[in-house]
C-alpha atoms as a PDB file:
ATOM      1  CA  UNK A   1     130.554-141.753 -67.654  1.00  0.00           C
ATOM      2  CA  UNK A   2     127.675-139.253 -67.561  1.00  0.00           C
ATOM      3  CA  UNK A   3     127.223-139.636 -71.222  1.00  0.00           C
ATOM      4  CA  UNK A   4     126.866-143.247 -70.828  1.00  0.00           C
ATOM      5  CA  UNK A   5     124.458-143.232 -67.987  1.00  0.00           C
ATOM      6  CA  UNK A   6     122.248-140.801 -69.951  1.00  0.00           C
ATOM      7  CA  UNK A   7     122.394-142.963 -73.160  1.00  0.00           C
ATOM      8  CA  UNK A   8     121.181-145.854 -71.142  1.00  0.00           C
ATOM      9  CA  UNK A   9     118.381-143.843 -69.537  1.00  0.00           C
ATOM     10  CA  UNK A  10     117.201-142.678 -72.916  1.00  0.00           C
ATOM     11  CA  UNK A  11     117.477-145.913 -74.803  1.00  0.00           C
ATOM     12  CA  UNK A  12     115.998-148.347 -72.469  1.00  0.00           C
ATOM     13  CA  UNK A  13     114.920-151.580 -73.713  1.00  0.00           C
ATOM     14  CA  UNK A  14     112.984-150.401 -76.505  1.00  0.00           C
ATOM     15  CA  UNK A  15     115.657-147.901 -77.883  1.00  0.00           C
ATOM     16  CA  UNK A  16     114.759-144.473 -78.832  1.00  0.00           C
ATOM     17  CA  UNK A  17     112.770-143.118 -81.802  1.00  0.00           C
ATOM     18  CA  UNK A  18     111.915-146.580 -83.134  1.00  0.00           C
ATOM     19  CA  UNK A  19     108.043-147.037 -82.845  1.00  0.00           C
ATOM     20  CA  UNK A  20     106.453-150.425 -82.926  1.00  0.00           C
ATOM     21  CA  UNK A  21     103.731-148.999 -85.167  1.00  0.00           C
ATOM     22  CA  UNK A  22     105.724-146.592 -87.618  1.00  0.00           C
ATOM     23  CA  UNK A  23     103.923-143.558 -88.542  1.00  0.00           C
ATOM     24  CA  UNK A  24     102.427-143.082 -91.968  1.00  0.00           C
ATOM     25  CA  UNK A  25     104.462-140.232 -93.485  1.00  0.00           C
ATOM     26  CA  UNK A  26     104.264-138.668 -96.843  1.00  0.00           C
ATOM     27  CA  UNK A  27     105.031-135.213 -98.398  1.00  0.00           C
ATOM     28  CA  UNK A  28     101.406-134.527 -98.782  1.00  0.00           C
ATOM     29  CA  UNK A  29     100.593-131.116 -97.071  1.00  0.00           C
ATOM     30  CA  UNK A  30      97.909-131.046 -94.557  1.00  0.00           C
ATOM     31  CA  UNK A  31      97.169-132.364 -91.031  1.00  0.00           C
ATOM     32  CA  UNK A  32      95.523-135.721 -90.494  1.00  0.00           C
ATOM     33  CA  UNK A  33      94.840-138.292 -87.774  1.00  0.00           C
ATOM     34  CA  UNK A  34      98.023-140.045 -86.869  1.00  0.00           C
ATOM     35  CA  UNK A  35      98.273-143.837 -86.929  1.00  0.00           C
ATOM     36  CA  UNK A  36      97.429-144.976 -83.344  1.00  0.00           C
ATOM     37  CA  UNK A  37     100.484-145.073 -81.200  1.00  0.00           C
ATOM     38  CA  UNK A  38     102.988-144.231 -83.986  1.00  0.00           C
ATOM     39  CA  UNK A  39     104.479-141.335 -82.026  1.00  0.00           C
ATOM     40  CA  UNK A  40     104.860-143.082 -78.722  1.00  0.00           C
ATOM     41  CA  UNK A  41     106.859-140.383 -77.129  1.00  0.00           C
ATOM     42  CA  UNK A  42     104.129-137.859 -77.452  1.00  0.00           C
ATOM     43  CA  UNK A  43     102.683-136.820 -74.144  1.00  0.00           C
ATOM     44  CA  UNK A  44      99.607-134.824 -73.114  1.00  0.00           C
ATOM     45  CA  UNK A  45     100.544-132.387 -70.330  1.00  0.00           C
ATOM     46  CA  UNK A  46      97.302-131.985 -68.185  1.00  0.00           C
ATOM     47  CA  UNK A  47      96.276-129.671 -65.391  1.00  0.00           C
ATOM     48  CA  UNK A  48      93.661-130.191 -62.715  1.00  0.00           C
ATOM     49  CA  UNK A  49      90.567-127.951 -62.900  1.00  0.00           C
ATOM     50  CA  UNK A  50      87.857-128.454 -60.381  1.00  0.00           C
ATOM     51  CA  UNK A  51      88.781-132.138 -59.986  1.00  0.00           C
ATOM     52  CA  UNK A  52      88.902-132.668 -63.819  1.00  0.00           C
ATOM     53  CA  UNK A  53      92.079-133.150 -65.716  1.00  0.00           C
ATOM     54  CA  UNK A  54      92.330-130.988 -68.955  1.00  0.00           C
ATOM     55  CA  UNK A  55      94.827-131.136 -71.745  1.00  0.00           C
ATOM     56  CA  UNK A  56      96.880-127.873 -71.960  1.00  0.00           C
ATOM     57  CA  UNK A  57     100.071-128.732 -73.925  1.00  0.00           C
ATOM     58  CA  UNK A  58     102.016-131.402 -75.740  1.00  0.00           C
ATOM     59  CA  UNK A  59     105.490-132.663 -74.913  1.00  0.00           C
ATOM     60  CA  UNK A  60     108.029-135.306 -75.694  1.00  0.00           C
ATOM     61  CA  UNK A  61     109.198-138.278 -73.619  1.00  0.00           C
ATOM     62  CA  UNK A  62     112.944-138.421 -73.690  1.00  0.00           C
ATOM     63  CA  UNK A  63     113.664-141.143 -71.099  1.00  0.00           C
ATOM     64  CA  UNK A  64     111.797-143.327 -68.680  1.00  0.00           C
ATOM     65  CA  UNK A  65     111.586-140.462 -66.290  1.00  0.00           C
ATOM     66  CA  UNK A  66     111.930-137.128 -68.268  1.00  0.00           C
ATOM     67  CA  UNK A  67     109.970-135.333 -70.677  1.00  0.00           C
ATOM     68  CA  UNK A  68     110.357-131.972 -72.616  1.00  0.00           C
ATOM     69  CA  UNK A  69     107.750-129.234 -73.053  1.00  0.00           C
ATOM     70  CA  UNK A  70     107.717-125.440 -73.449  1.00  0.00           C
ATOM     71  CA  UNK A  71     108.325-123.068 -70.611  1.00  0.00           C
ATOM     72  CA  UNK A  72     105.233-121.107 -71.415  1.00  0.00           C
ATOM     73  CA  UNK A  73     103.148-124.158 -70.738  1.00  0.00           C
ATOM     74  CA  UNK A  74     104.011-124.049 -67.090  1.00  0.00           C
ATOM     75  CA  UNK A  75     102.265-121.953 -64.485  1.00  0.00           C
ATOM     76  CA  UNK A  76     103.527-121.644 -60.875  1.00  0.00           C
ATOM     77  CA  UNK A  77     101.238-123.388 -58.404  1.00  0.00           C
ATOM     78  CA  UNK A  78      99.433-125.441 -60.977  1.00  0.00           C
ATOM     79  CA  UNK A  79      99.109-129.165 -60.469  1.00  0.00           C
ATOM     80  CA  UNK A  80      99.995-131.297 -63.389  1.00  0.00           C
ATOM     81  CA  UNK A  81     100.021-134.833 -64.658  1.00  0.00           C
ATOM     82  CA  UNK A  82     101.402-136.471 -67.756  1.00  0.00           C
ATOM     83  CA  UNK A  83      99.363-138.666 -69.975  1.00  0.00           C
ATOM     84  CA  UNK A  84     101.494-141.262 -71.921  1.00  0.00           C
ATOM     85  CA  UNK A  85     100.367-143.951 -74.540  1.00  0.00           C
ATOM     86  CA  UNK A  86      97.329-141.910 -75.579  1.00  0.00           C
ATOM     87  CA  UNK A  87      95.853-141.535 -79.001  1.00  0.00           C
ATOM     88  CA  UNK A  88      92.179-140.411 -78.398  1.00  0.00           C
ATOM     89  CA  UNK A  89      92.059-138.122 -75.283  1.00  0.00           C
ATOM     90  CA  UNK A  90      88.347-138.694 -74.805  1.00  0.00           C
ATOM     91  CA  UNK A  91      88.651-142.462 -74.599  1.00  0.00           C
ATOM     92  CA  UNK A  92      89.915-145.009 -71.959  1.00  0.00           C
ATOM     93  CA  UNK A  93      92.683-146.688 -73.884  1.00  0.00           C
ATOM     94  CA  UNK A  94      94.590-149.923 -72.979  1.00  0.00           C
ATOM     95  CA  UNK A  95      98.135-149.236 -71.947  1.00  0.00           C
ATOM     96  CA  UNK A  96      97.762-145.636 -71.296  1.00  0.00           C
ATOM     97  CA  UNK A  97      99.484-144.286 -68.187  1.00  0.00           C
ATOM     98  CA  UNK A  98      98.747-141.168 -66.180  1.00  0.00           C
ATOM     99  CA  UNK A  99     101.581-139.958 -63.863  1.00  0.00           C
ATOM    100  CA  UNK A 100     102.175-136.987 -61.617  1.00  0.00           C
ATOM    101  CA  UNK A 101     105.270-134.970 -61.678  1.00  0.00           C
ATOM    102  CA  UNK A 102     108.176-135.044 -59.239  1.00  0.00           C
ATOM    103  CA  UNK A 103     109.707-131.756 -60.437  1.00  0.00           C
ATOM    104  CA  UNK A 104     109.319-129.314 -63.290  1.00  0.00           C
ATOM    105  CA  UNK A 105     112.364-127.222 -64.279  1.00  0.00           C
ATOM    106  CA  UNK A 106     111.724-124.107 -66.401  1.00  0.00           C
ATOM    107  CA  UNK A 107     114.840-122.589 -68.025  1.00  0.00           C
ATOM    108  CA  UNK A 108     116.532-120.061 -65.739  1.00  0.00           C
ATOM    109  CA  UNK A 109     116.683-117.507 -68.635  1.00  0.00           C
ATOM    110  CA  UNK A 110     113.019-118.086 -69.712  1.00  0.00           C
ATOM    111  CA  UNK A 111     111.896-114.651 -70.978  1.00  0.00           C
ATOM    112  CA  UNK A 112     108.135-114.605 -71.676  1.00  0.00           C
ATOM    113  CA  UNK A 113     108.230-111.090 -73.104  1.00  0.00           C
ATOM    114  CA  UNK A 114     110.741-112.113 -75.857  1.00  0.00           C
ATOM    115  CA  UNK A 115     109.862-115.790 -75.839  1.00  0.00           C
ATOM    116  CA  UNK A 116     113.562-116.722 -75.408  1.00  0.00           C
ATOM    117  CA  UNK A 117     114.643-119.993 -73.850  1.00  0.00           C
ATOM    118  CA  UNK A 118     111.133-121.567 -73.991  1.00  0.00           C
ATOM    119  CA  UNK A 119     111.844-124.866 -72.710  1.00  0.00           C
ATOM    120  CA  UNK A 120     111.093-126.926 -69.494  1.00  0.00           C
ATOM    121  CA  UNK A 121     112.049-130.432 -68.242  1.00  0.00           C
ATOM    122  CA  UNK A 122     109.488-132.579 -66.532  1.00  0.00           C
ATOM    123  CA  UNK A 123     110.616-135.195 -64.152  1.00  0.00           C
ATOM    124  CA  UNK A 124     107.933-137.942 -63.621  1.00  0.00           C
ATOM    125  CA  UNK A 125     107.049-139.120 -60.156  1.00  0.00           C
ATOM    126  CA  UNK A 126     108.477-142.631 -61.064  1.00  0.00           C
ATOM    127  CA  UNK A 127     109.934-144.312 -64.014  1.00  0.00           C
ATOM    128  CA  UNK A 128     107.434-145.377 -66.629  1.00  0.00           C
ATOM    129  CA  UNK A 129     107.765-148.733 -68.185  1.00  0.00           C
ATOM    130  CA  UNK A 130     108.290-148.542 -71.927  1.00  0.00           C
ATOM    131  CA  UNK A 131     105.978-150.497 -74.057  1.00  0.00           C
ATOM    132  CA  UNK A 132     104.729-150.701 -77.767  1.00  0.00           C
ATOM    133  CA  UNK A 133     102.765-147.531 -76.926  1.00  0.00           C
ATOM    134  CA  UNK A 134     105.204-145.586 -74.719  1.00  0.00           C
ATOM    135  CA  UNK A 135     108.800-145.066 -75.477  1.00  0.00           C
ATOM    136  CA  UNK A 136     111.308-142.168 -75.833  1.00  0.00           C
ATOM    137  CA  UNK A 137     112.118-139.965 -78.790  1.00  0.00           C
ATOM    138  CA  UNK A 138     115.999-139.668 -79.516  1.00  0.00           C
ATOM    139  CA  UNK A 139     117.783-136.316 -78.736  1.00  0.00           C
ATOM    140  CA  UNK A 140     119.663-134.675 -81.651  1.00  0.00           C
ATOM    141  CA  UNK A 141     123.339-134.014 -81.333  1.00  0.00           C
ATOM    142  CA  UNK A 142     124.344-130.673 -79.840  1.00  0.00           C
ATOM    143  CA  UNK A 143     124.404-127.942 -82.211  1.00  0.00           C
ATOM    144  CA  UNK A 144     122.866-129.787 -85.092  1.00  0.00           C
ATOM    145  CA  UNK A 145     121.088-127.545 -87.596  1.00  0.00           C
ATOM    146  CA  UNK A 146     118.256-129.065 -89.943  1.00  0.00           C
ATOM    147  CA  UNK A 147     118.727-128.057 -93.436  1.00  0.00           C
ATOM    148  CA  UNK A 148     116.166-125.827 -95.442  1.00  0.00           C
ATOM    149  CA  UNK A 149     113.095-127.649 -96.444  1.00  0.00           C
ATOM    150  CA  UNK A 150     113.987-130.852 -94.607  1.00  0.00           C
ATOM    151  CA  UNK A 151     110.709-132.772 -93.961  1.00  0.00           C
ATOM    152  CA  UNK A 152     109.749-132.784 -90.317  1.00  0.00           C
ATOM    153  CA  UNK A 153     106.319-133.611 -88.704  1.00  0.00           C
ATOM    154  CA  UNK A 154     104.511-131.737 -85.860  1.00  0.00           C
ATOM    155  CA  UNK A 155     102.266-133.827 -83.681  1.00  0.00           C
ATOM    156  CA  UNK A 156      99.622-132.758 -81.065  1.00  0.00           C
ATOM    157  CA  UNK A 157      96.097-132.347 -79.862  1.00  0.00           C
ATOM    158  CA  UNK A 158      95.749-128.636 -80.687  1.00  0.00           C
ATOM    159  CA  UNK A 159      93.058-126.860 -82.457  1.00  0.00           C
ATOM    160  CA  UNK A 160      92.403-128.221 -86.050  1.00  0.00           C
ATOM    161  CA  UNK A 161      91.730-124.754 -87.329  1.00  0.00           C
ATOM    162  CA  UNK A 162      91.823-121.060 -86.226  1.00  0.00           C
ATOM    163  CA  UNK A 163      89.178-120.670 -83.525  1.00  0.00           C
ATOM    164  CA  UNK A 164      88.143-124.267 -84.167  1.00  0.00           C
ATOM    165  CA  UNK A 165      87.797-127.268 -81.605  1.00  0.00           C
ATOM    166  CA  UNK A 166      90.790-129.083 -80.252  1.00  0.00           C
ATOM    167  CA  UNK A 167      91.464-132.457 -81.582  1.00  0.00           C
ATOM    168  CA  UNK A 168      90.469-135.666 -79.674  1.00  0.00           C
ATOM    169  CA  UNK A 169      92.720-137.821 -81.869  1.00  0.00           C
ATOM    170  CA  UNK A 170      96.450-137.149 -82.084  1.00  0.00           C
ATOM    171  CA  UNK A 171      97.110-135.207 -85.333  1.00  0.00           C
ATOM    172  CA  UNK A 172     100.314-135.075 -87.461  1.00  0.00           C
ATOM    173  CA  UNK A 173     101.390-132.793 -90.090  1.00  0.00           C
ATOM    174  CA  UNK A 174     104.332-132.330 -92.540  1.00  0.00           C
ATOM    175  CA  UNK A 175     106.152-128.998 -91.734  1.00  0.00           C
ATOM    176  CA  UNK A 176     109.254-128.559 -93.861  1.00  0.00           C
ATOM    177  CA  UNK A 177     112.145-126.708 -92.176  1.00  0.00           C
ATOM    178  CA  UNK A 178     112.543-122.977 -93.029  1.00  0.00           C
ATOM    179  CA  UNK A 179     116.099-121.921 -92.532  1.00  0.00           C
ATOM    180  CA  UNK A 180     117.260-119.091 -90.363  1.00  0.00           C
ATOM    181  CA  UNK A 181     118.121-116.773 -93.222  1.00  0.00           C
ATOM    182  CA  UNK A 182     114.637-117.071 -94.575  1.00  0.00           C
ATOM    183  CA  UNK A 183     112.602-117.057 -91.208  1.00  0.00           C
ATOM    184  CA  UNK A 184     114.369-113.898 -90.038  1.00  0.00           C
ATOM    185  CA  UNK A 185     113.524-111.982 -93.077  1.00  0.00           C
ATOM    186  CA  UNK A 186     111.410-108.664 -92.370  1.00  0.00           C
ATOM    187  CA  UNK A 187     108.165-110.135 -93.964  1.00  0.00           C
ATOM    188  CA  UNK A 188     108.558-113.372 -92.154  1.00  0.00           C
ATOM    189  CA  UNK A 189     109.329-113.381 -88.460  1.00  0.00           C
ATOM    190  CA  UNK A 190     112.292-110.902 -88.508  1.00  0.00           C
ATOM    191  CA  UNK A 191     114.372-110.359 -85.396  1.00  0.00           C
ATOM    192  CA  UNK A 192     111.861-112.325 -83.131  1.00  0.00           C
ATOM    193  CA  UNK A 193     113.595-115.531 -84.402  1.00  0.00           C
ATOM    194  CA  UNK A 194     116.896-116.355 -82.683  1.00  0.00           C
ATOM    195  CA  UNK A 195     119.482-118.832 -83.536  1.00  0.00           C
ATOM    196  CA  UNK A 196     118.251-121.017 -80.682  1.00  0.00           C
ATOM    197  CA  UNK A 197     114.936-121.456 -82.564  1.00  0.00           C
ATOM    198  CA  UNK A 198     113.917-123.435 -85.620  1.00  0.00           C
ATOM    199  CA  UNK A 199     111.065-122.499 -88.012  1.00  0.00           C
ATOM    200  CA  UNK A 200     109.040-124.944 -89.927  1.00  0.00           C
ATOM    201  CA  UNK A 201     105.969-124.558 -92.190  1.00  0.00           C
ATOM    202  CA  UNK A 202     104.854-121.038 -93.280  1.00  0.00           C
ATOM    203  CA  UNK A 203     102.983-122.120 -96.430  1.00  0.00           C
ATOM    204  CA  UNK A 204      99.601-120.791 -95.098  1.00  0.00           C
ATOM    205  CA  UNK A 205      98.051-124.265 -95.352  1.00  0.00           C
ATOM    206  CA  UNK A 206      99.021-126.034 -92.108  1.00  0.00           C
ATOM    207  CA  UNK A 207     100.953-125.262 -88.946  1.00  0.00           C
ATOM    208  CA  UNK A 208     100.768-125.694 -85.145  1.00  0.00           C
ATOM    209  CA  UNK A 209      97.854-124.279 -83.428  1.00  0.00           C
ATOM    210  CA  UNK A 210      96.642-123.605 -79.876  1.00  0.00           C
ATOM    211  CA  UNK A 211      97.008-126.743 -77.710  1.00  0.00           C
ATOM    212  CA  UNK A 212     100.144-127.864 -79.769  1.00  0.00           C
ATOM    213  CA  UNK A 213     102.517-125.909 -77.562  1.00  0.00           C
ATOM    214  CA  UNK A 214     105.187-127.970 -76.000  1.00  0.00           C
ATOM    215  CA  UNK A 215     104.940-130.680 -78.476  1.00  0.00           C
ATOM    216  CA  UNK A 216     107.673-132.079 -80.746  1.00  0.00           C
ATOM    217  CA  UNK A 217     108.964-131.371 -84.088  1.00  0.00           C
ATOM    218  CA  UNK A 218     109.895-134.889 -85.324  1.00  0.00           C
ATOM    219  CA  UNK A 219     112.668-135.687 -87.679  1.00  0.00           C
ATOM    220  CA  UNK A 220     113.882-139.053 -88.931  1.00  0.00           C
ATOM    221  CA  UNK A 221     117.668-139.531 -88.996  1.00  0.00           C
ATOM    222  CA  UNK A 222     119.927-141.527 -91.258  1.00  0.00           C
ATOM    223  CA  UNK A 223     119.511-144.490 -88.973  1.00  0.00           C
ATOM    224  CA  UNK A 224     115.698-144.199 -89.432  1.00  0.00           C
ATOM    225  CA  UNK A 225     115.194-143.246 -85.804  1.00  0.00           C
ATOM    226  CA  UNK A 226     113.084-140.317 -84.832  1.00  0.00           C
ATOM    227  CA  UNK A 227     114.629-137.348 -83.111  1.00  0.00           C
ATOM    228  CA  UNK A 228     112.955-134.378 -81.387  1.00  0.00           C
ATOM    229  CA  UNK A 229     114.262-131.174 -82.890  1.00  0.00           C
ATOM    230  CA  UNK A 230     111.841-128.746 -81.772  1.00  0.00           C
ATOM    231  CA  UNK A 231     109.359-127.766 -79.008  1.00  0.00           C
ATOM    232  CA  UNK A 232     106.444-125.851 -80.082  1.00  0.00           C
ATOM    233  CA  UNK A 233     106.805-122.256 -79.001  1.00  0.00           C
ATOM    234  CA  UNK A 234     104.949-119.716 -80.855  1.00  0.00           C
ATOM    235  CA  UNK A 235     103.074-118.917 -84.164  1.00  0.00           C
ATOM    236  CA  UNK A 236     100.936-116.160 -85.664  1.00  0.00           C
ATOM    237  CA  UNK A 237      98.355-114.846 -83.279  1.00  0.00           C
ATOM    238  CA  UNK A 238      96.121-113.699 -86.084  1.00  0.00           C
ATOM    239  CA  UNK A 239      95.707-117.263 -87.660  1.00  0.00           C
ATOM    240  CA  UNK A 240      97.149-120.676 -87.140  1.00  0.00           C
ATOM    241  CA  UNK A 241      97.868-120.856 -90.881  1.00  0.00           C
ATOM    242  CA  UNK A 242      99.290-117.624 -91.998  1.00  0.00           C
ATOM    243  CA  UNK A 243     101.624-117.369 -94.906  1.00  0.00           C
ATOM    244  CA  UNK A 244     105.315-116.479 -94.061  1.00  0.00           C
ATOM    245  CA  UNK A 245     104.528-116.932 -90.404  1.00  0.00           C
ATOM    246  CA  UNK A 246     105.866-120.486 -89.786  1.00  0.00           C
ATOM    247  CA  UNK A 247     105.550-122.322 -86.364  1.00  0.00           C
ATOM    248  CA  UNK A 248     108.592-121.503 -84.362  1.00  0.00           C
ATOM    249  CA  UNK A 249     109.987-124.012 -82.136  1.00  0.00           C
ATOM    250  CA  UNK A 250     112.685-123.962 -79.374  1.00  0.00           C
ATOM    251  CA  UNK A 251     115.712-125.725 -81.069  1.00  0.00           C
ATOM    252  CA  UNK A 252     116.383-128.774 -78.924  1.00  0.00           C
ATOM    253  CA  UNK A 253     119.957-129.142 -80.246  1.00  0.00           C
ATOM    254  CA  UNK A 254     120.851-125.659 -78.698  1.00  0.00           C
ATOM    255  CA  UNK A 255     119.900-127.009 -75.253  1.00  0.00           C
ATOM    256  CA  UNK A 256     121.419-130.534 -74.953  1.00  0.00           C
ATOM    257  CA  UNK A 257     123.974-129.386 -72.353  1.00  0.00           C
ATOM    258  CA  UNK A 258     121.301-127.788 -70.354  1.00  0.00           C
ATOM    259  CA  UNK A 259     119.057-130.929 -70.592  1.00  0.00           C
ATOM    260  CA  UNK A 260     121.894-133.161 -69.525  1.00  0.00           C
ATOM    261  CA  UNK A 261     122.997-131.143 -66.639  1.00  0.00           C
ATOM    262  CA  UNK A 262     119.370-130.962 -65.209  1.00  0.00           C
ATOM    263  CA  UNK A 263     118.866-134.640 -65.754  1.00  0.00           C
ATOM    264  CA  UNK A 264     122.021-135.410 -63.745  1.00  0.00           C
ATOM    265  CA  UNK A 265     121.246-132.662 -61.083  1.00  0.00           C
ATOM    266  CA  UNK A 266     117.573-133.821 -60.149  1.00  0.00           C
END
C-alpha cells in the first residue's frame, strides 16, 4: 500500500521523467545551455542573505512535495526556499514557482569529514502544481547500478569554469559513468569513493563545478523516462575539470528505502 501511495505521489498527472520539452542530448562532450524547461525537475535551492535570495545548490523534484539535494548544501539555522520552473535565474519567467520549505531532513549518518551519506530531503511548504515547466524525475530501482560508460547528463547553474562565473542559464553536460572498479583506482579517487556513490566524467574536459552541488545525474531508462541516479557530492578541489577526478555523486539507488521511509514519516 505504501508503494502504491508513493507511486501516485511521484507520478502525478504528468508522470515522472517525461518532459514536455525534451532535452537535446548528444554524445558531444562539453557543457552547453539547456533547452528551456527540458529538465523540469531541476530546482534551485536558495538562501536568504540580507533580504536577497541567492542560489546555493541544485536539487531534484521527485514528487509534488519533495525534492532531493546534498546534505552538504544544508546549514543549520539558514532560511531556504526552492525555485522551480526556472531556466534563467536572472530573469522573471512565466510559470516559475518559489516556495518555502516545511522540513529539511539530512541523512542521520551524514559525515562531512568523509563525505558519506551526502543526501537530504526537502519537503515543500505545500504541494506544487505540475505543469509543462515543473514536474518530477523518476526514482531508480533500489540497488540499480549504472554500467560503465553509460551516458548520463549533469544539469545545474554552477560555475562554467574553474574560478569562473556561475551560470545564469541552466547548463547541461554529458558525463559518462565511470564504474566503481575504475573510480577507486589509486590514481583516480581511491578509497574516498564508496559503493553508495557513483562517478561520472573524469576526462578533464567537463565536470560538475561549484554551485552544481545537490543537482541531479540524469539517466534515460528503457521506457525513455528520465531517472535521477546521482546527487552532486564532490569533485577535485584543484580544478573543476581534472583528469581522472570525475564528479562523484551520492548514488540514489542506494537510498531508496531511506527516501521512502522519510516521505512516509513527515
